[in-house]
Amino acid sequence: RRLCRLWEQATGESAESEATRLTVFTMIGQVIYFRIGREAVMRRMGWREIGNEEAAKVVAVTTGNLRAMLAARDAPAGKKGKS
C-alpha cells in the first residue's frame, strides 16, 4: 500500500485504483525477478554474481523503466508511446 500511495503522489492516480495496483505490482515484479530468477539471470547475463556493479546496472534499467512509465502518463492524449 505504501508504494501505491507513493505512485498516487507522483501521478495523481488513486492509490486504490486497479490501474495503480497493477502498475505497482509490475514494477515490483521487475525487481523481484532478479531474486527468484537469480541463477537464470546470472547465466543469461554471463555474470558470476550479482554484486555492486551488476546491481547498479539493474537499478539503472529499472529507474529508466520507471521514468518511462511516469512520462507516458504525462504525455498528451494521442501521443503516448510515440517517439
PDB file of N, CA and C in Angstrom:
ATOM      1  N   ARG A   1       0.816  -1.208   0.000  1.00  0.00           N
ATOM      2  CA  ARG A   1       0.000   0.000   0.000  1.00  0.00           C
ATOM      3  C   ARG A   1       0.852   1.262   0.000  1.00  0.00           C
ATOM      4  N   ARG A   2       2.021   1.192   0.638  1.00  0.00           N
ATOM      5  CA  ARG A   2       2.895   2.362   0.656  1.00  0.00           C
ATOM      6  C   ARG A   2       3.326   2.760  -0.746  1.00  0.00           C
ATOM      7  N   LEU A   3       3.686   1.767  -1.543  1.00  0.00           N
ATOM      8  CA  LEU A   3       4.127   2.065  -2.911  1.00  0.00           C
ATOM      9  C   LEU A   3       2.982   2.617  -3.750  1.00  0.00           C
ATOM     10  N   CYS A   4       1.777   2.118  -3.510  1.00  0.00           N
ATOM     11  CA  CYS A   4       0.609   2.653  -4.226  1.00  0.00           C
ATOM     12  C   CYS A   4       0.364   4.106  -3.832  1.00  0.00           C
ATOM     13  N   ARG A   5       0.535   4.431  -2.559  1.00  0.00           N
ATOM     14  CA  ARG A   5       0.373   5.825  -2.125  1.00  0.00           C
ATOM     15  C   ARG A   5       1.458   6.710  -2.734  1.00  0.00           C
ATOM     16  N   LEU A   6       2.664   6.169  -2.825  1.00  0.00           N
ATOM     17  CA  LEU A   6       3.753   6.919  -3.453  1.00  0.00           C
ATOM     18  C   LEU A   6       3.440   7.180  -4.928  1.00  0.00           C
ATOM     19  N   TRP A   7       2.911   6.153  -5.607  1.00  0.00           N
ATOM     20  CA  TRP A   7       2.519   6.308  -7.013  1.00  0.00           C
ATOM     21  C   TRP A   7       1.440   7.381  -7.141  1.00  0.00           C
ATOM     22  N   GLU A   8       0.487   7.373  -6.216  1.00  0.00           N
ATOM     23  CA  GLU A   8      -0.576   8.377  -6.221  1.00  0.00           C
ATOM     24  C   GLU A   8       0.017   9.786  -6.089  1.00  0.00           C
ATOM     25  N   GLN A   9       0.984   9.959  -5.203  1.00  0.00           N
ATOM     26  CA  GLN A   9       1.618  11.268  -5.033  1.00  0.00           C
ATOM     27  C   GLN A   9       2.348  11.695  -6.305  1.00  0.00           C
ATOM     28  N   ALA A  10       2.963  10.740  -6.979  1.00  0.00           N
ATOM     29  CA  ALA A  10       3.741  11.053  -8.185  1.00  0.00           C
ATOM     30  C   ALA A  10       2.859  11.333  -9.397  1.00  0.00           C
ATOM     31  N   THR A  11       1.705  10.666  -9.468  1.00  0.00           N
ATOM     32  CA  THR A  11       0.893  10.743 -10.684  1.00  0.00           C
ATOM     33  C   THR A  11      -0.483  11.381 -10.504  1.00  0.00           C
ATOM     34  N   GLY A  12      -0.963  11.404  -9.277  1.00  0.00           N
ATOM     35  CA  GLY A  12      -2.321  11.880  -9.042  1.00  0.00           C
ATOM     36  C   GLY A  12      -3.367  10.796  -9.229  1.00  0.00           C
ATOM     37  N   GLU A  13      -2.936   9.609  -9.645  1.00  0.00           N
ATOM     38  CA  GLU A  13      -3.863   8.485  -9.811  1.00  0.00           C
ATOM     39  C   GLU A  13      -4.159   7.884  -8.440  1.00  0.00           C
ATOM     40  N   SER A  14      -5.388   7.505  -8.213  1.00  0.00           N
ATOM     41  CA  SER A  14      -5.796   6.952  -6.925  1.00  0.00           C
ATOM     42  C   SER A  14      -4.942   5.752  -6.528  1.00  0.00           C
ATOM     43  N   ALA A  15      -4.501   5.745  -5.265  1.00  0.00           N
ATOM     44  CA  ALA A  15      -3.682   4.643  -4.755  1.00  0.00           C
ATOM     45  C   ALA A  15      -4.437   3.321  -4.781  1.00  0.00           C
ATOM     46  N   GLU A  16      -5.751   3.377  -4.731  1.00  0.00           N
ATOM     47  CA  GLU A  16      -6.543   2.151  -4.681  1.00  0.00           C
ATOM     48  C   GLU A  16      -7.134   1.752  -6.030  1.00  0.00           C
ATOM     49  N   SER A  17      -6.819   2.489  -7.073  1.00  0.00           N
ATOM     50  CA  SER A  17      -7.363   2.110  -8.378  1.00  0.00           C
ATOM     51  C   SER A  17      -6.717   0.812  -8.857  1.00  0.00           C
ATOM     52  N   GLU A  18      -7.444   0.099  -9.667  1.00  0.00           N
ATOM     53  CA  GLU A  18      -6.914  -1.146 -10.224  1.00  0.00           C
ATOM     54  C   GLU A  18      -5.660  -0.875 -11.052  1.00  0.00           C
ATOM     55  N   ALA A  19      -5.693   0.193 -11.832  1.00  0.00           N
ATOM     56  CA  ALA A  19      -4.545   0.531 -12.683  1.00  0.00           C
ATOM     57  C   ALA A  19      -3.299   0.798 -11.847  1.00  0.00           C
ATOM     58  N   THR A  20      -3.455   1.521 -10.754  1.00  0.00           N
ATOM     59  CA  THR A  20      -2.307   1.796  -9.878  1.00  0.00           C
ATOM     60  C   THR A  20      -1.773   0.512  -9.277  1.00  0.00           C
ATOM     61  N   ARG A  21      -2.651  -0.316  -8.757  1.00  0.00           N
ATOM     62  CA  ARG A  21      -2.199  -1.573  -8.142  1.00  0.00           C
ATOM     63  C   ARG A  21      -1.484  -2.452  -9.154  1.00  0.00           C
ATOM     64  N   LEU A  22      -2.002  -2.555 -10.368  1.00  0.00           N
ATOM     65  CA  LEU A  22      -1.338  -3.354 -11.402  1.00  0.00           C
ATOM     66  C   LEU A  22       0.016  -2.757 -11.777  1.00  0.00           C
ATOM     67  N   THR A  23       0.068  -1.446 -11.894  1.00  0.00           N
ATOM     68  CA  THR A  23       1.328  -0.779 -12.230  1.00  0.00           C
ATOM     69  C   THR A  23       2.379  -1.041 -11.164  1.00  0.00           C
ATOM     70  N   VAL A  24       2.005  -0.896  -9.909  1.00  0.00           N
ATOM     71  CA  VAL A  24       2.949  -1.106  -8.807  1.00  0.00           C
ATOM     72  C   VAL A  24       3.400  -2.563  -8.760  1.00  0.00           C
ATOM     73  N   PHE A  25       2.486  -3.506  -8.937  1.00  0.00           N
ATOM     74  CA  PHE A  25       2.889  -4.919  -8.962  1.00  0.00           C
ATOM     75  C   PHE A  25       3.849  -5.192 -10.115  1.00  0.00           C
ATOM     76  N   THR A  26       3.632  -4.531 -11.242  1.00  0.00           N
ATOM     77  CA  THR A  26       4.527  -4.689 -12.388  1.00  0.00           C
ATOM     78  C   THR A  26       5.932  -4.207 -12.051  1.00  0.00           C
ATOM     79  N   MET A  27       6.017  -3.058 -11.395  1.00  0.00           N
ATOM     80  CA  MET A  27       7.334  -2.528 -11.008  1.00  0.00           C
ATOM     81  C   MET A  27       8.022  -3.445 -10.001  1.00  0.00           C
ATOM     82  N   ILE A  28       7.268  -3.922  -9.023  1.00  0.00           N
ATOM     83  CA  ILE A  28       7.832  -4.836  -8.025  1.00  0.00           C
ATOM     84  C   ILE A  28       8.318  -6.106  -8.709  1.00  0.00           C
ATOM     85  N   GLY A  29       7.545  -6.607  -9.651  1.00  0.00           N
ATOM     86  CA  GLY A  29       7.906  -7.829 -10.370  1.00  0.00           C
ATOM     87  C   GLY A  29       9.230  -7.711 -11.104  1.00  0.00           C
ATOM     88  N   GLN A  30       9.503  -6.532 -11.659  1.00  0.00           N
ATOM     89  CA  GLN A  30      10.778  -6.326 -12.353  1.00  0.00           C
ATOM     90  C   GLN A  30      11.948  -6.572 -11.414  1.00  0.00           C
ATOM     91  N   VAL A  31      11.826  -6.102 -10.199  1.00  0.00           N
ATOM     92  CA  VAL A  31      12.912  -6.227  -9.227  1.00  0.00           C
ATOM     93  C   VAL A  31      12.955  -7.631  -8.631  1.00  0.00           C
ATOM     94  N   ILE A  32      11.800  -8.166  -8.282  1.00  0.00           N
ATOM     95  CA  ILE A  32      11.728  -9.485  -7.647  1.00  0.00           C
ATOM     96  C   ILE A  32      12.298 -10.570  -8.550  1.00  0.00           C
ATOM     97  N   TYR A  33      12.131 -10.423  -9.857  1.00  0.00           N
ATOM     98  CA  TYR A  33      12.629 -11.456 -10.767  1.00  0.00           C
ATOM     99  C   TYR A  33      14.120 -11.687 -10.592  1.00  0.00           C
ATOM    100  N   PHE A  34      14.863 -10.644 -10.285  1.00  0.00           N
ATOM    101  CA  PHE A  34      16.308 -10.798 -10.098  1.00  0.00           C
ATOM    102  C   PHE A  34      16.620 -11.626  -8.860  1.00  0.00           C
ATOM    103  N   ARG A  35      15.678 -11.716  -7.945  1.00  0.00           N
ATOM    104  CA  ARG A  35      15.851 -12.567  -6.759  1.00  0.00           C
ATOM    105  C   ARG A  35      15.413 -13.999  -7.062  1.00  0.00           C
ATOM    106  N   ILE A  36      14.211 -14.171  -7.581  1.00  0.00           N
ATOM    107  CA  ILE A  36      13.700 -15.526  -7.790  1.00  0.00           C
ATOM    108  C   ILE A  36      14.312 -16.205  -9.009  1.00  0.00           C
ATOM    109  N   GLY A  37      14.747 -15.416  -9.968  1.00  0.00           N
ATOM    110  CA  GLY A  37      15.368 -15.967 -11.171  1.00  0.00           C
ATOM    111  C   GLY A  37      16.866 -15.720 -11.207  1.00  0.00           C
ATOM    112  N   ARG A  38      17.453 -15.547 -10.038  1.00  0.00           N
ATOM    113  CA  ARG A  38      18.860 -15.167  -9.906  1.00  0.00           C
ATOM    114  C   ARG A  38      19.793 -16.010 -10.771  1.00  0.00           C
ATOM    115  N   GLU A  39      19.687 -17.322 -10.668  1.00  0.00           N
ATOM    116  CA  GLU A  39      20.584 -18.212 -11.419  1.00  0.00           C
ATOM    117  C   GLU A  39      20.394 -18.048 -12.924  1.00  0.00           C
ATOM    118  N   ALA A  40      19.151 -17.980 -13.352  1.00  0.00           N
ATOM    119  CA  ALA A  40      18.873 -17.810 -14.782  1.00  0.00           C
ATOM    120  C   ALA A  40      19.385 -16.458 -15.278  1.00  0.00           C
ATOM    121  N   VAL A  41      19.194 -15.423 -14.483  1.00  0.00           N
ATOM    122  CA  VAL A  41      19.670 -14.088 -14.856  1.00  0.00           C
ATOM    123  C   VAL A  41      21.187 -14.091 -14.980  1.00  0.00           C
ATOM    124  N   MET A  42      21.868 -14.627 -13.972  1.00  0.00           N
ATOM    125  CA  MET A  42      23.335 -14.633 -14.000  1.00  0.00           C
ATOM    126  C   MET A  42      23.854 -15.425 -15.192  1.00  0.00           C
ATOM    127  N   ARG A  43      23.244 -16.557 -15.451  1.00  0.00           N
ATOM    128  CA  ARG A  43      23.667 -17.388 -16.589  1.00  0.00           C
ATOM    129  C   ARG A  43      23.474 -16.634 -17.906  1.00  0.00           C
ATOM    130  N   ARG A  44      22.296 -16.057 -18.092  1.00  0.00           N
ATOM    131  CA  ARG A  44      21.986 -15.363 -19.350  1.00  0.00           C
ATOM    132  C   ARG A  44      22.827 -14.101 -19.531  1.00  0.00           C
ATOM    133  N   MET A  45      23.113 -13.419 -18.427  1.00  0.00           N
ATOM    134  CA  MET A  45      23.897 -12.187 -18.487  1.00  0.00           C
ATOM    135  C   MET A  45      25.397 -12.455 -18.500  1.00  0.00           C
ATOM    136  N   GLY A  46      25.788 -13.705 -18.209  1.00  0.00           N
ATOM    137  CA  GLY A  46      27.206 -14.025 -18.148  1.00  0.00           C
ATOM    138  C   GLY A  46      27.871 -13.480 -16.891  1.00  0.00           C
ATOM    139  N   TRP A  47      27.090 -13.322 -15.839  1.00  0.00           N
ATOM    140  CA  TRP A  47      27.601 -12.808 -14.572  1.00  0.00           C
ATOM    141  C   TRP A  47      27.940 -13.960 -13.638  1.00  0.00           C
ATOM    142  N   ARG A  48      28.999 -13.806 -12.856  1.00  0.00           N
ATOM    143  CA  ARG A  48      29.345 -14.790 -11.820  1.00  0.00           C
ATOM    144  C   ARG A  48      28.563 -14.525 -10.539  1.00  0.00           C
ATOM    145  N   GLU A  49      28.164 -13.287 -10.373  1.00  0.00           N
ATOM    146  CA  GLU A  49      27.421 -12.874  -9.181  1.00  0.00           C
ATOM    147  C   GLU A  49      26.605 -11.636  -9.519  1.00  0.00           C
ATOM    148  N   ILE A  50      25.722 -11.293  -8.607  1.00  0.00           N
ATOM    149  CA  ILE A  50      25.053 -10.002  -8.711  1.00  0.00           C
ATOM    150  C   ILE A  50      25.612  -9.177  -7.554  1.00  0.00           C
ATOM    151  N   GLY A  51      26.733  -8.541  -7.854  1.00  0.00           N
ATOM    152  CA  GLY A  51      27.414  -7.683  -6.887  1.00  0.00           C
ATOM    153  C   GLY A  51      27.022  -6.235  -7.100  1.00  0.00           C
ATOM    154  N   ASN A  52      27.814  -5.344  -6.554  1.00  0.00           N
ATOM    155  CA  ASN A  52      27.506  -3.910  -6.645  1.00  0.00           C
ATOM    156  C   ASN A  52      27.426  -3.408  -8.083  1.00  0.00           C
ATOM    157  N   GLU A  53      28.354  -3.839  -8.913  1.00  0.00           N
ATOM    158  CA  GLU A  53      28.371  -3.384 -10.312  1.00  0.00           C
ATOM    159  C   GLU A  53      27.129  -3.859 -11.061  1.00  0.00           C
ATOM    160  N   GLU A  54      26.797  -5.125 -10.884  1.00  0.00           N
ATOM    161  CA  GLU A  54      25.622  -5.688 -11.563  1.00  0.00           C
ATOM    162  C   GLU A  54      24.338  -5.060 -11.017  1.00  0.00           C
ATOM    163  N   ALA A  55      24.279  -4.900  -9.701  1.00  0.00           N
ATOM    164  CA  ALA A  55      23.099  -4.289  -9.080  1.00  0.00           C
ATOM    165  C   ALA A  55      22.899  -2.866  -9.590  1.00  0.00           C
ATOM    166  N   ALA A  56      23.989  -2.136  -9.780  1.00  0.00           N
ATOM    167  CA  ALA A  56      23.886  -0.769 -10.303  1.00  0.00           C
ATOM    168  C   ALA A  56      23.281  -0.766 -11.704  1.00  0.00           C
ATOM    169  N   LYS A  57      23.618  -1.762 -12.502  1.00  0.00           N
ATOM    170  CA  LYS A  57      23.048  -1.868 -13.850  1.00  0.00           C
ATOM    171  C   LYS A  57      21.550  -2.152 -13.779  1.00  0.00           C
ATOM    172  N   VAL A  58      21.156  -3.029 -12.861  1.00  0.00           N
ATOM    173  CA  VAL A  58      19.735  -3.343 -12.677  1.00  0.00           C
ATOM    174  C   VAL A  58      18.988  -2.087 -12.229  1.00  0.00           C
ATOM    175  N   VAL A  59      19.562  -1.363 -11.290  1.00  0.00           N
ATOM    176  CA  VAL A  59      18.943  -0.128 -10.800  1.00  0.00           C
ATOM    177  C   VAL A  59      18.794   0.882 -11.936  1.00  0.00           C
ATOM    178  N   ALA A  60      19.808   1.014 -12.766  1.00  0.00           N
ATOM    179  CA  ALA A  60      19.754   1.969 -13.878  1.00  0.00           C
ATOM    180  C   ALA A  60      18.621   1.637 -14.843  1.00  0.00           C
ATOM    181  N   VAL A  61      18.486   0.376 -15.192  1.00  0.00           N
ATOM    182  CA  VAL A  61      17.424  -0.024 -16.126  1.00  0.00           C
ATOM    183  C   VAL A  61      16.052   0.129 -15.473  1.00  0.00           C
ATOM    184  N   THR A  62      15.935  -0.286 -14.224  1.00  0.00           N
ATOM    185  CA  THR A  62      14.663  -0.173 -13.513  1.00  0.00           C
ATOM    186  C   THR A  62      14.255   1.292 -13.365  1.00  0.00           C
ATOM    187  N   THR A  63      15.217   2.147 -13.069  1.00  0.00           N
ATOM    188  CA  THR A  63      14.944   3.579 -12.962  1.00  0.00           C
ATOM    189  C   THR A  63      14.480   4.135 -14.305  1.00  0.00           C
ATOM    190  N   GLY A  64      15.119   3.708 -15.375  1.00  0.00           N
ATOM    191  CA  GLY A  64      14.694   4.127 -16.710  1.00  0.00           C
ATOM    192  C   GLY A  64      13.280   3.674 -17.022  1.00  0.00           C
ATOM    193  N   ASN A  65      12.956   2.448 -16.631  1.00  0.00           N
ATOM    194  CA  ASN A  65      11.599   1.937 -16.847  1.00  0.00           C
ATOM    195  C   ASN A  65      10.578   2.765 -16.071  1.00  0.00           C
ATOM    196  N   LEU A  66      10.909   3.089 -14.823  1.00  0.00           N
ATOM    197  CA  LEU A  66      10.007   3.895 -14.000  1.00  0.00           C
ATOM    198  C   LEU A  66       9.816   5.280 -14.612  1.00  0.00           C
ATOM    199  N   ARG A  67      10.899   5.884 -15.057  1.00  0.00           N
ATOM    200  CA  ARG A  67      10.790   7.206 -15.695  1.00  0.00           C
ATOM    201  C   ARG A  67       9.921   7.145 -16.949  1.00  0.00           C
ATOM    202  N   ALA A  68      10.066   6.079 -17.715  1.00  0.00           N
ATOM    203  CA  ALA A  68       9.253   5.921 -18.927  1.00  0.00           C
ATOM    204  C   ALA A  68       7.779   5.771 -18.575  1.00  0.00           C
ATOM    205  N   MET A  69       7.495   5.029 -17.508  1.00  0.00           N
ATOM    206  CA  MET A  69       6.106   4.859 -17.082  1.00  0.00           C
ATOM    207  C   MET A  69       5.510   6.199 -16.649  1.00  0.00           C
ATOM    208  N   LEU A  70       6.281   6.971 -15.918  1.00  0.00           N
ATOM    209  CA  LEU A  70       5.801   8.283 -15.482  1.00  0.00           C
ATOM    210  C   LEU A  70       5.633   9.223 -16.673  1.00  0.00           C
ATOM    211  N   ALA A  71       6.573   9.203 -17.596  1.00  0.00           N
ATOM    212  CA  ALA A  71       6.497  10.061 -18.779  1.00  0.00           C
ATOM    213  C   ALA A  71       5.286   9.709 -19.635  1.00  0.00           C
ATOM    214  N   ALA A  72       4.958   8.434 -19.719  1.00  0.00           N
ATOM    215  CA  ALA A  72       3.803   8.006 -20.511  1.00  0.00           C
ATOM    216  C   ALA A  72       2.516   8.589 -19.944  1.00  0.00           C
ATOM    217  N   ARG A  73       2.471   8.769 -18.640  1.00  0.00           N
ATOM    218  CA  ARG A  73       1.286   9.343 -18.021  1.00  0.00           C
ATOM    219  C   ARG A  73       1.225  10.855 -18.203  1.00  0.00           C
ATOM    220  N   ASP A  74       2.365  11.479 -18.451  1.00  0.00           N
ATOM    221  CA  ASP A  74       2.412  12.926 -18.672  1.00  0.00           C
ATOM    222  C   ASP A  74       2.200  13.300 -20.132  1.00  0.00           C
ATOM    223  N   ALA A  75       2.306  12.310 -21.027  1.00  0.00           N
ATOM    224  CA  ALA A  75       2.195  12.579 -22.466  1.00  0.00           C
ATOM    225  C   ALA A  75       0.779  13.038 -22.803  1.00  0.00           C
ATOM    226  N   PRO A  76       0.655  13.998 -23.723  1.00  0.00           N
ATOM    227  CA  PRO A  76      -0.675  14.439 -24.157  1.00  0.00           C
ATOM    228  C   PRO A  76      -1.451  13.274 -24.781  1.00  0.00           C
ATOM    229  N   ALA A  77      -2.756  13.318 -24.677  1.00  0.00           N
ATOM    230  CA  ALA A  77      -3.601  12.273 -25.261  1.00  0.00           C
ATOM    231  C   ALA A  77      -3.271  12.111 -26.733  1.00  0.00           C
ATOM    232  N   GLY A  78      -3.178  10.876 -27.170  1.00  0.00           N
ATOM    233  CA  GLY A  78      -2.891  10.588 -28.566  1.00  0.00           C
ATOM    234  C   GLY A  78      -1.410  10.551 -28.891  1.00  0.00           C
ATOM    235  N   LYS A  79      -0.575  10.951 -27.962  1.00  0.00           N
ATOM    236  CA  LYS A  79       0.869  10.987 -28.193  1.00  0.00           C
ATOM    237  C   LYS A  79       1.604   9.930 -27.378  1.00  0.00           C
ATOM    238  N   LYS A  80       0.908   9.205 -26.526  1.00  0.00           N
ATOM    239  CA  LYS A  80       1.551   8.218 -25.670  1.00  0.00           C
ATOM    240  C   LYS A  80       2.217   7.135 -26.497  1.00  0.00           C
ATOM    241  N   GLY A  81       3.455   6.831 -26.126  1.00  0.00           N
ATOM    242  CA  GLY A  81       4.173   5.745 -26.772  1.00  0.00           C
ATOM    243  C   GLY A  81       4.768   6.095 -28.119  1.00  0.00           C
ATOM    244  N   LYS A  82       4.592   7.333 -28.577  1.00  0.00           N
ATOM    245  CA  LYS A  82       5.130   7.717 -29.884  1.00  0.00           C
ATOM    246  C   LYS A  82       6.415   8.489 -29.694  1.00  0.00           C
ATOM    247  N   SER A  83       7.390   8.245 -30.562  1.00  0.00           N
ATOM    248  CA  SER A  83       8.671   8.962 -30.473  1.00  0.00           C
ATOM    249  C   SER A  83       8.719  10.065 -31.494  1.00  0.00           C
TER     250      SER A  83
END
